Amino acid sequence: MELGVYAFAELTPEVEGGPIVDARKRLLDLIEEIELADQVGLDVFGVGEHHRPDFAVSAPAVALAAAAERTERIRLTSAVSFISSDDPVRVFQDFATLDLPPTGAPRSWPAATRSSSPSR
């Protein structure tokens, strides 16, 4: 059994009624969350793709590549990839490239969805 978490990098306020979180800060926080998940021994961390102004990540492979630089063993994956609005081969290539860390240990696998509306 594997234990993991996923995130969509929402830009919702940190406290009720507070200001909306800046996308840059949310991405930095996401990378720290992934690093912490690796340190405490979780097996997998997934990041979802969204193309709306209230989410910080529209390219999970890019965000996960930044996190891969700061983690050692956790498997990084997409929680959602909209292959109906992207080239499925390119999505696979992006995650296959992410799967080539300096350690040589495979760490990612894309999750895909078929949807005519890529959360825009």
C-alpha atoms as a PDB file:
ATOM      1  CA  MET A   1       0.000   0.000   0.000  1.00  0.00           C
ATOM      2  CA  GLU A   2       1.136   3.546  -0.759  1.00  0.00           C
ATOM      3  CA  LEU A   3       0.198   6.641   1.167  1.00  0.00           C
ATOM      4  CA  GLY A   4       0.140  10.036  -0.465  1.00  0.00           C
ATOM      5  CA  VAL A   5      -1.598  13.343  -0.938  1.00  0.00           C
ATOM      6  CA  TYR A   6      -2.573  15.597  -3.796  1.00  0.00           C
ATOM      7  CA  ALA A   7      -3.000  19.338  -4.193  1.00  0.00           C
ATOM      8  CA  PHE A   8      -4.468  21.720  -6.716  1.00  0.00           C
ATOM      9  CA  ALA A   9      -2.634  24.840  -5.480  1.00  0.00           C
ATOM     10  CA  GLU A  10      -5.762  26.862  -4.826  1.00  0.00           C
ATOM     11  CA  LEU A  11      -5.337  30.584  -4.340  1.00  0.00           C
ATOM     12  CA  THR A  12      -7.980  30.771  -1.626  1.00  0.00           C
ATOM     13  CA  PRO A  13      -7.374  32.996   1.404  1.00  0.00           C
ATOM     14  CA  GLU A  14      -5.262  31.472   4.174  1.00  0.00           C
ATOM     15  CA  VAL A  15      -7.863  32.649   6.699  1.00  0.00           C
ATOM     16  CA  GLU A  16     -11.563  33.266   6.146  1.00  0.00           C
ATOM     17  CA  GLY A  17     -12.078  36.768   4.812  1.00  0.00           C
ATOM     18  CA  GLY A  18      -8.345  37.267   4.285  1.00  0.00           C
ATOM     19  CA  PRO A  19      -6.563  38.259   1.096  1.00  0.00           C
ATOM     20  CA  ILE A  20      -6.227  35.851  -1.806  1.00  0.00           C
ATOM     21  CA  VAL A  21      -2.851  34.122  -1.814  1.00  0.00           C
ATOM     22  CA  ASP A  22      -0.354  35.325  -4.415  1.00  0.00           C
ATOM     23  CA  ALA A  23       0.327  32.666  -7.093  1.00  0.00           C
ATOM     24  CA  ARG A  24       4.103  32.888  -6.630  1.00  0.00           C
ATOM     25  CA  LYS A  25       3.804  32.396  -2.866  1.00  0.00           C
ATOM     26  CA  ARG A  26       1.380  29.507  -3.353  1.00  0.00           C
ATOM     27  CA  LEU A  27       3.782  27.762  -5.713  1.00  0.00           C
ATOM     28  CA  LEU A  28       6.649  28.185  -3.228  1.00  0.00           C
ATOM     29  CA  ASP A  29       4.385  26.836  -0.462  1.00  0.00           C
ATOM     30  CA  LEU A  30       3.443  23.879  -2.669  1.00  0.00           C
ATOM     31  CA  ILE A  31       7.095  22.991  -3.209  1.00  0.00           C
ATOM     32  CA  GLU A  32       7.680  23.166   0.556  1.00  0.00           C
ATOM     33  CA  GLU A  33       4.648  20.906   1.124  1.00  0.00           C
ATOM     34  CA  ILE A  34       6.052  18.350  -1.304  1.00  0.00           C
ATOM     35  CA  GLU A  35       9.455  18.539   0.372  1.00  0.00           C
ATOM     36  CA  LEU A  36       7.845  17.984   3.793  1.00  0.00           C
ATOM     37  CA  ALA A  37       5.810  15.043   2.454  1.00  0.00           C
ATOM     38  CA  ASP A  38       9.082  13.480   1.275  1.00  0.00           C
ATOM     39  CA  GLN A  39      10.758  14.084   4.646  1.00  0.00           C
ATOM     40  CA  VAL A  40       7.947  12.455   6.643  1.00  0.00           C
ATOM     41  CA  GLY A  41       7.984   9.380   4.397  1.00  0.00           C
ATOM     42  CA  LEU A  42       4.880   9.708   2.229  1.00  0.00           C
ATOM     43  CA  ASP A  43       5.049   7.618  -0.937  1.00  0.00           C
ATOM     44  CA  VAL A  44       3.401   9.889  -3.500  1.00  0.00           C
ATOM     45  CA  PHE A  45       2.421  13.521  -4.061  1.00  0.00           C
ATOM     46  CA  GLY A  46       0.153  14.541  -6.930  1.00  0.00           C
ATOM     47  CA  VAL A  47      -0.459  18.007  -8.351  1.00  0.00           C
ATOM     48  CA  GLY A  48      -3.549  18.768 -10.413  1.00  0.00           C
ATOM     49  CA  GLU A  49      -3.743  20.874 -13.556  1.00  0.00           C
ATOM     50  CA  HIS A  50      -6.219  23.750 -13.666  1.00  0.00           C
ATOM     51  CA  HIS A  51      -6.606  26.674 -16.058  1.00  0.00           C
ATOM     52  CA  ARG A  52      -8.569  29.083 -13.901  1.00  0.00           C
ATOM     53  CA  PRO A  53      -7.423  32.252 -12.154  1.00  0.00           C
ATOM     54  CA  ASP A  54      -8.056  30.754  -8.692  1.00  0.00           C
ATOM     55  CA  PHE A  55      -5.398  28.024  -9.125  1.00  0.00           C
ATOM     56  CA  ALA A  56      -1.611  28.469  -9.327  1.00  0.00           C
ATOM     57  CA  VAL A  57      -0.629  25.395 -11.363  1.00  0.00           C
ATOM     58  CA  SER A  58      -1.524  25.020 -15.030  1.00  0.00           C
ATOM     59  CA  ALA A  59       1.565  22.889 -15.795  1.00  0.00           C
ATOM     60  CA  PRO A  60       1.979  20.158 -13.146  1.00  0.00           C
ATOM     61  CA  ALA A  61       5.152  18.717 -14.694  1.00  0.00           C
ATOM     62  CA  VAL A  62       6.899  22.091 -14.330  1.00  0.00           C
ATOM     63  CA  ALA A  63       5.846  22.501 -10.689  1.00  0.00           C
ATOM     64  CA  LEU A  64       6.835  18.911  -9.927  1.00  0.00           C
ATOM     65  CA  ALA A  65      10.213  19.374 -11.624  1.00  0.00           C
ATOM     66  CA  ALA A  66      10.935  22.214  -9.198  1.00  0.00           C
ATOM     67  CA  ALA A  67       9.915  19.972  -6.298  1.00  0.00           C
ATOM     68  CA  ALA A  68      11.978  17.045  -7.607  1.00  0.00           C
ATOM     69  CA  GLU A  69      15.076  19.157  -7.187  1.00  0.00           C
ATOM     70  CA  ARG A  70      14.371  19.329  -3.428  1.00  0.00           C
ATOM     71  CA  THR A  71      13.146  15.781  -2.746  1.00  0.00           C
ATOM     72  CA  GLU A  72      14.794  12.371  -2.628  1.00  0.00           C
ATOM     73  CA  ARG A  73      12.375   9.449  -2.762  1.00  0.00           C
ATOM     74  CA  ILE A  74       8.747  10.532  -3.006  1.00  0.00           C
ATOM     75  CA  ARG A  75       6.955   9.633  -6.245  1.00  0.00           C
ATOM     76  CA  LEU A  76       5.687  12.757  -7.987  1.00  0.00           C
ATOM     77  CA  THR A  77       2.637  12.549 -10.202  1.00  0.00           C
ATOM     78  CA  SER A  78      -0.118  14.482 -11.877  1.00  0.00           C
ATOM     79  CA  ALA A  79      -3.439  14.416 -10.074  1.00  0.00           C
ATOM     80  CA  VAL A  80      -5.173  15.680 -13.261  1.00  0.00           C
ATOM     81  CA  SER A  81      -3.888  16.254 -16.799  1.00  0.00           C
ATOM     82  CA  PHE A  82      -6.314  17.418 -19.476  1.00  0.00           C
ATOM     83  CA  ILE A  83      -5.247  15.358 -22.466  1.00  0.00           C
ATOM     84  CA  SER A  84      -8.298  16.512 -24.424  1.00  0.00           C
ATOM     85  CA  SER A  85      -6.729  19.974 -24.685  1.00  0.00           C
ATOM     86  CA  ASP A  86      -3.083  18.891 -24.812  1.00  0.00           C
ATOM     87  CA  ASP A  87      -1.024  16.475 -26.860  1.00  0.00           C
ATOM     88  CA  PRO A  88      -1.120  13.178 -24.934  1.00  0.00           C
ATOM     89  CA  VAL A  89       2.306  12.208 -26.266  1.00  0.00           C
ATOM     90  CA  ARG A  90       3.736  15.505 -25.028  1.00  0.00           C
ATOM     91  CA  VAL A  91       2.171  15.001 -21.584  1.00  0.00           C
ATOM     92  CA  PHE A  92       3.787  11.554 -21.448  1.00  0.00           C
ATOM     93  CA  GLN A  93       7.140  12.990 -22.565  1.00  0.00           C
ATOM     94  CA  ASP A  94       7.016  15.720 -19.916  1.00  0.00           C
ATOM     95  CA  PHE A  95       6.440  13.191 -17.150  1.00  0.00           C
ATOM     96  CA  ALA A  96       8.945  10.729 -18.598  1.00  0.00           C
ATOM     97  CA  THR A  97      11.544  13.504 -18.455  1.00  0.00           C
ATOM     98  CA  LEU A  98      10.547  14.274 -14.866  1.00  0.00           C
ATOM     99  CA  ASP A  99      11.055  10.580 -14.180  1.00  0.00           C
ATOM    100  CA  LEU A 100      14.806  10.865 -14.867  1.00  0.00           C
ATOM    101  CA  PRO A 101      16.216  12.340 -11.653  1.00  0.00           C
ATOM    102  CA  PRO A 102      19.955  12.153 -10.948  1.00  0.00           C
ATOM    103  CA  THR A 103      19.363   9.118  -8.695  1.00  0.00           C
ATOM    104  CA  GLY A 104      17.935   7.119 -11.591  1.00  0.00           C
ATOM    105  CA  ALA A 105      14.929   6.041  -9.510  1.00  0.00           C
ATOM    106  CA  PRO A 106      11.583   6.402 -11.299  1.00  0.00           C
ATOM    107  CA  ARG A 107       9.421   8.904  -9.458  1.00  0.00           C
ATOM    108  CA  SER A 108       6.471  10.015 -11.566  1.00  0.00           C
ATOM    109  CA  TRP A 109       3.489   8.873 -13.549  1.00  0.00           C
ATOM    110  CA  PRO A 110       0.877  11.078 -15.212  1.00  0.00           C
ATOM    111  CA  ALA A 111      -2.801  10.788 -14.361  1.00  0.00           C
ATOM    112  CA  ALA A 112      -5.054  11.813 -17.209  1.00  0.00           C
ATOM    113  CA  THR A 113      -8.665  12.815 -17.644  1.00  0.00           C
ATOM    114  CA  ARG A 114     -10.868  13.081 -20.698  1.00  0.00           C
ATOM    115  CA  SER A 115     -12.879  16.244 -20.509  1.00  0.00           C
ATOM    116  CA  SER A 116     -14.128  18.671 -23.082  1.00  0.00           C
ATOM    117  CA  SER A 117     -13.702  21.493 -20.545  1.00  0.00           C
ATOM    118  CA  PRO A 118     -10.180  21.829 -19.131  1.00  0.00           C
ATOM    119  CA  SER A 119     -11.361  23.824 -16.092  1.00  0.00           C
ATOM    120  CA  ARG A 120     -11.181  27.151 -17.854  1.00  0.00           C
END
